[in-house]
Amino acid sequence: MGFKLKWNSHSTKNTNPMLDHQKKVLTAIHDNETLFRKELIKSLVWLNAHEQTEFRKWVREQFSHRYQKLINEVLYSKMSVSI
């Protein structure tokens, strides 16, 4: 009887639980534009500047085909973000 350990190349990667959580949430609710906008704004409040940069890139890659205008409006507006 023995245990086999699986090597997970992602396990050594520095990850941020909140960033990962927000990615999962947006993926799950991407069909609802109202919720998508709300979660996008919430993400910007919760994430630090470095995480926001990674998050913005990921959002563009995943959802720009569907929500280009909304993404530009929320992620790149000069207005202050608040919930």
N, C-alpha and C. Protein backbone atom coordinates (compact mmCIF):
# COMPACT_ATOMS: atom_id res chain seq x y z
N MET A 1 0.83 -1.18 0.00
CA MET A 1 0.00 0.00 0.00
C MET A 1 0.88 1.24 0.00
N GLY A 2 0.64 2.07 -0.93
CA GLY A 2 1.42 3.30 -0.98
C GLY A 2 0.58 4.42 -1.57
N PHE A 3 1.10 5.61 -1.40
CA PHE A 3 0.43 6.78 -1.94
C PHE A 3 1.23 7.29 -3.11
N LYS A 4 0.56 7.63 -4.17
CA LYS A 4 1.22 8.26 -5.30
C LYS A 4 0.94 9.76 -5.22
N LEU A 5 1.98 10.51 -5.31
CA LEU A 5 1.82 11.95 -5.32
C LEU A 5 1.81 12.43 -6.76
N LYS A 6 0.86 13.24 -7.07
CA LYS A 6 0.80 13.82 -8.41
C LYS A 6 1.47 15.18 -8.35
N TRP A 7 2.33 15.43 -9.30
CA TRP A 7 2.96 16.74 -9.38
C TRP A 7 2.02 17.70 -10.09
N ASN A 8 1.76 18.77 -9.45
CA ASN A 8 0.90 19.81 -10.03
C ASN A 8 1.77 21.03 -10.27
N SER A 9 2.06 21.32 -11.51
CA SER A 9 2.96 22.44 -11.83
C SER A 9 2.39 23.77 -11.35
N HIS A 10 1.08 23.84 -11.14
CA HIS A 10 0.46 25.08 -10.68
C HIS A 10 0.61 25.26 -9.18
N SER A 11 0.98 24.22 -8.46
CA SER A 11 1.04 24.30 -7.01
C SER A 11 2.17 25.20 -6.52
N THR A 12 3.21 25.39 -7.33
CA THR A 12 4.31 26.24 -6.92
C THR A 12 4.10 27.69 -7.36
N LYS A 13 3.11 27.90 -8.15
CA LYS A 13 2.82 29.23 -8.66
C LYS A 13 2.21 30.08 -7.55
N ASN A 14 2.67 31.32 -7.43
CA ASN A 14 2.07 32.22 -6.46
C ASN A 14 0.69 32.61 -6.95
N THR A 15 -0.31 32.29 -6.16
CA THR A 15 -1.67 32.63 -6.54
C THR A 15 -2.30 33.47 -5.45
N ASN A 16 -3.31 34.16 -5.83
CA ASN A 16 -4.05 34.98 -4.89
C ASN A 16 -5.45 34.42 -4.79
N PRO A 17 -5.85 34.00 -3.60
CA PRO A 17 -7.19 33.41 -3.46
C PRO A 17 -8.32 34.32 -3.91
N MET A 18 -8.22 35.62 -3.64
CA MET A 18 -9.30 36.53 -4.04
C MET A 18 -9.34 36.69 -5.56
N LEU A 19 -8.18 36.79 -6.18
CA LEU A 19 -8.12 36.88 -7.64
C LEU A 19 -8.71 35.62 -8.27
N ASP A 20 -8.30 34.48 -7.78
CA ASP A 20 -8.83 33.21 -8.28
C ASP A 20 -10.35 33.12 -8.07
N HIS A 21 -10.79 33.56 -6.91
CA HIS A 21 -12.23 33.54 -6.61
C HIS A 21 -13.01 34.41 -7.60
N GLN A 22 -12.54 35.62 -7.84
CA GLN A 22 -13.25 36.53 -8.73
C GLN A 22 -13.27 36.00 -10.16
N LYS A 23 -12.20 35.33 -10.58
CA LYS A 23 -12.19 34.73 -11.91
C LYS A 23 -13.27 33.64 -12.00
N LYS A 24 -13.39 32.83 -10.96
CA LYS A 24 -14.41 31.77 -10.94
C LYS A 24 -15.81 32.37 -10.96
N VAL A 25 -16.01 33.41 -10.17
CA VAL A 25 -17.32 34.06 -10.11
C VAL A 25 -17.70 34.62 -11.47
N LEU A 26 -16.80 35.37 -12.10
CA LEU A 26 -17.12 35.97 -13.40
C LEU A 26 -17.38 34.90 -14.46
N THR A 27 -16.63 33.83 -14.40
CA THR A 27 -16.85 32.74 -15.36
C THR A 27 -18.23 32.13 -15.16
N ALA A 28 -18.63 32.00 -13.91
CA ALA A 28 -19.92 31.37 -13.60
C ALA A 28 -21.11 32.25 -13.98
N ILE A 29 -20.97 33.56 -13.86
CA ILE A 29 -22.12 34.44 -14.07
C ILE A 29 -22.03 35.27 -15.36
N HIS A 30 -21.13 34.92 -16.25
CA HIS A 30 -20.89 35.74 -17.44
C HIS A 30 -22.11 35.89 -18.35
N ASP A 31 -23.11 35.07 -18.18
CA ASP A 31 -24.31 35.20 -19.02
C ASP A 31 -25.27 36.28 -18.55
N ASN A 32 -25.05 36.80 -17.35
CA ASN A 32 -25.92 37.83 -16.79
C ASN A 32 -25.15 39.15 -16.75
N GLU A 33 -25.45 40.04 -17.67
CA GLU A 33 -24.69 41.29 -17.80
C GLU A 33 -24.72 42.14 -16.53
N THR A 34 -25.85 42.20 -15.86
CA THR A 34 -25.97 43.00 -14.64
C THR A 34 -25.06 42.47 -13.54
N LEU A 35 -25.11 41.16 -13.31
CA LEU A 35 -24.24 40.56 -12.30
C LEU A 35 -22.77 40.65 -12.71
N PHE A 36 -22.50 40.49 -13.99
CA PHE A 36 -21.13 40.58 -14.49
C PHE A 36 -20.55 41.95 -14.17
N ARG A 37 -21.31 43.00 -14.45
CA ARG A 37 -20.85 44.37 -14.16
C ARG A 37 -20.60 44.54 -12.66
N LYS A 38 -21.54 44.09 -11.85
CA LYS A 38 -21.42 44.23 -10.39
C LYS A 38 -20.16 43.53 -9.87
N GLU A 39 -19.92 42.31 -10.34
CA GLU A 39 -18.75 41.56 -9.89
C GLU A 39 -17.45 42.15 -10.43
N LEU A 40 -17.49 42.71 -11.60
CA LEU A 40 -16.33 43.39 -12.16
C LEU A 40 -15.92 44.57 -11.28
N ILE A 41 -16.90 45.36 -10.90
CA ILE A 41 -16.64 46.51 -10.02
C ILE A 41 -16.14 46.04 -8.66
N LYS A 42 -16.78 45.03 -8.11
CA LYS A 42 -16.37 44.49 -6.81
C LYS A 42 -14.92 44.00 -6.86
N SER A 43 -14.55 43.39 -7.94
CA SER A 43 -13.18 42.89 -8.09
C SER A 43 -12.17 44.02 -7.99
N LEU A 44 -12.46 45.14 -8.60
CA LEU A 44 -11.53 46.27 -8.56
C LEU A 44 -11.38 46.84 -7.16
N VAL A 45 -12.42 46.73 -6.37
CA VAL A 45 -12.36 47.20 -4.98
C VAL A 45 -11.49 46.28 -4.14
N TRP A 46 -11.61 44.99 -4.37
CA TRP A 46 -10.94 44.00 -3.53
C TRP A 46 -9.49 43.74 -3.89
N LEU A 47 -9.12 43.92 -5.15
CA LEU A 47 -7.79 43.55 -5.61
C LEU A 47 -6.81 44.71 -5.53
N ASN A 48 -5.54 44.40 -5.23
CA ASN A 48 -4.53 45.45 -5.21
C ASN A 48 -4.11 45.78 -6.65
N ALA A 49 -3.24 46.77 -6.81
CA ALA A 49 -2.88 47.27 -8.14
C ALA A 49 -2.26 46.18 -9.02
N HIS A 50 -1.37 45.39 -8.47
CA HIS A 50 -0.74 44.32 -9.25
C HIS A 50 -1.77 43.28 -9.69
N GLU A 51 -2.63 42.89 -8.77
CA GLU A 51 -3.68 41.92 -9.09
C GLU A 51 -4.66 42.48 -10.11
N GLN A 52 -4.96 43.77 -10.01
CA GLN A 52 -5.86 44.39 -10.97
C GLN A 52 -5.30 44.34 -12.38
N THR A 53 -3.99 44.51 -12.51
CA THR A 53 -3.36 44.43 -13.83
C THR A 53 -3.55 43.05 -14.43
N GLU A 54 -3.28 42.03 -13.64
CA GLU A 54 -3.47 40.65 -14.10
C GLU A 54 -4.94 40.37 -14.40
N PHE A 55 -5.81 40.88 -13.53
CA PHE A 55 -7.25 40.68 -13.67
C PHE A 55 -7.77 41.33 -14.95
N ARG A 56 -7.36 42.58 -15.20
CA ARG A 56 -7.80 43.28 -16.41
C ARG A 56 -7.41 42.51 -17.67
N LYS A 57 -6.18 42.02 -17.70
CA LYS A 57 -5.72 41.25 -18.85
C LYS A 57 -6.57 39.98 -19.03
N TRP A 58 -6.81 39.29 -17.94
CA TRP A 58 -7.61 38.06 -17.99
C TRP A 58 -9.04 38.36 -18.47
N VAL A 59 -9.65 39.41 -17.94
CA VAL A 59 -11.02 39.77 -18.32
C VAL A 59 -11.09 40.08 -19.82
N ARG A 60 -10.13 40.84 -20.32
CA ARG A 60 -10.12 41.15 -21.76
C ARG A 60 -10.01 39.88 -22.59
N GLU A 61 -9.11 38.98 -22.19
CA GLU A 61 -8.92 37.73 -22.93
C GLU A 61 -10.17 36.85 -22.92
N GLN A 62 -10.85 36.81 -21.80
CA GLN A 62 -11.98 35.89 -21.64
C GLN A 62 -13.31 36.44 -22.15
N PHE A 63 -13.53 37.75 -22.00
CA PHE A 63 -14.88 38.28 -22.20
C PHE A 63 -15.01 39.46 -23.16
N SER A 64 -13.92 39.90 -23.77
CA SER A 64 -14.02 41.09 -24.63
C SER A 64 -14.91 40.85 -25.86
N HIS A 65 -15.01 39.62 -26.30
CA HIS A 65 -15.87 39.32 -27.45
C HIS A 65 -17.35 39.57 -27.12
N ARG A 66 -17.68 39.49 -25.86
CA ARG A 66 -19.07 39.63 -25.46
C ARG A 66 -19.38 40.99 -24.81
N TYR A 67 -18.44 41.49 -24.02
CA TYR A 67 -18.71 42.69 -23.20
C TYR A 67 -17.66 43.78 -23.40
N GLN A 68 -17.19 43.98 -24.61
CA GLN A 68 -16.12 44.96 -24.86
C GLN A 68 -16.46 46.34 -24.29
N LYS A 69 -17.63 46.84 -24.60
CA LYS A 69 -18.02 48.19 -24.15
C LYS A 69 -18.11 48.25 -22.63
N LEU A 70 -18.74 47.27 -22.02
CA LEU A 70 -18.87 47.22 -20.57
C LEU A 70 -17.50 47.13 -19.90
N ILE A 71 -16.62 46.29 -20.44
CA ILE A 71 -15.27 46.14 -19.88
C ILE A 71 -14.51 47.45 -19.95
N ASN A 72 -14.54 48.10 -21.09
CA ASN A 72 -13.86 49.39 -21.21
C ASN A 72 -14.43 50.42 -20.25
N GLU A 73 -15.72 50.43 -20.14
CA GLU A 73 -16.39 51.38 -19.26
C GLU A 73 -16.00 51.17 -17.79
N VAL A 74 -16.01 49.93 -17.34
CA VAL A 74 -15.74 49.64 -15.92
C VAL A 74 -14.25 49.62 -15.61
N LEU A 75 -13.47 48.93 -16.42
CA LEU A 75 -12.06 48.74 -16.09
C LEU A 75 -11.19 49.94 -16.39
N TYR A 76 -11.59 50.77 -17.33
CA TYR A 76 -10.71 51.83 -17.77
C TYR A 76 -11.29 53.22 -17.62
N SER A 77 -12.37 53.34 -16.89
CA SER A 77 -12.95 54.67 -16.69
C SER A 77 -12.14 55.41 -15.63
N LYS A 78 -12.18 56.71 -15.68
CA LYS A 78 -11.49 57.56 -14.72
C LYS A 78 -12.29 57.76 -13.45
N MET A 79 -13.58 57.35 -13.49
CA MET A 79 -14.42 57.55 -12.31
C MET A 79 -13.97 56.65 -11.17
N SER A 80 -14.28 57.06 -9.98
CA SER A 80 -13.92 56.26 -8.83
C SER A 80 -14.89 55.08 -8.74
N VAL A 81 -14.34 53.93 -8.39
CA VAL A 81 -15.13 52.70 -8.33
C VAL A 81 -15.67 52.54 -6.92
N SER A 82 -16.98 52.37 -6.83
CA SER A 82 -17.59 52.12 -5.53
C SER A 82 -18.79 51.22 -5.72
N ILE A 83 -19.12 50.51 -4.68
CA ILE A 83 -20.27 49.60 -4.73
C ILE A 83 -21.45 50.28 -4.09
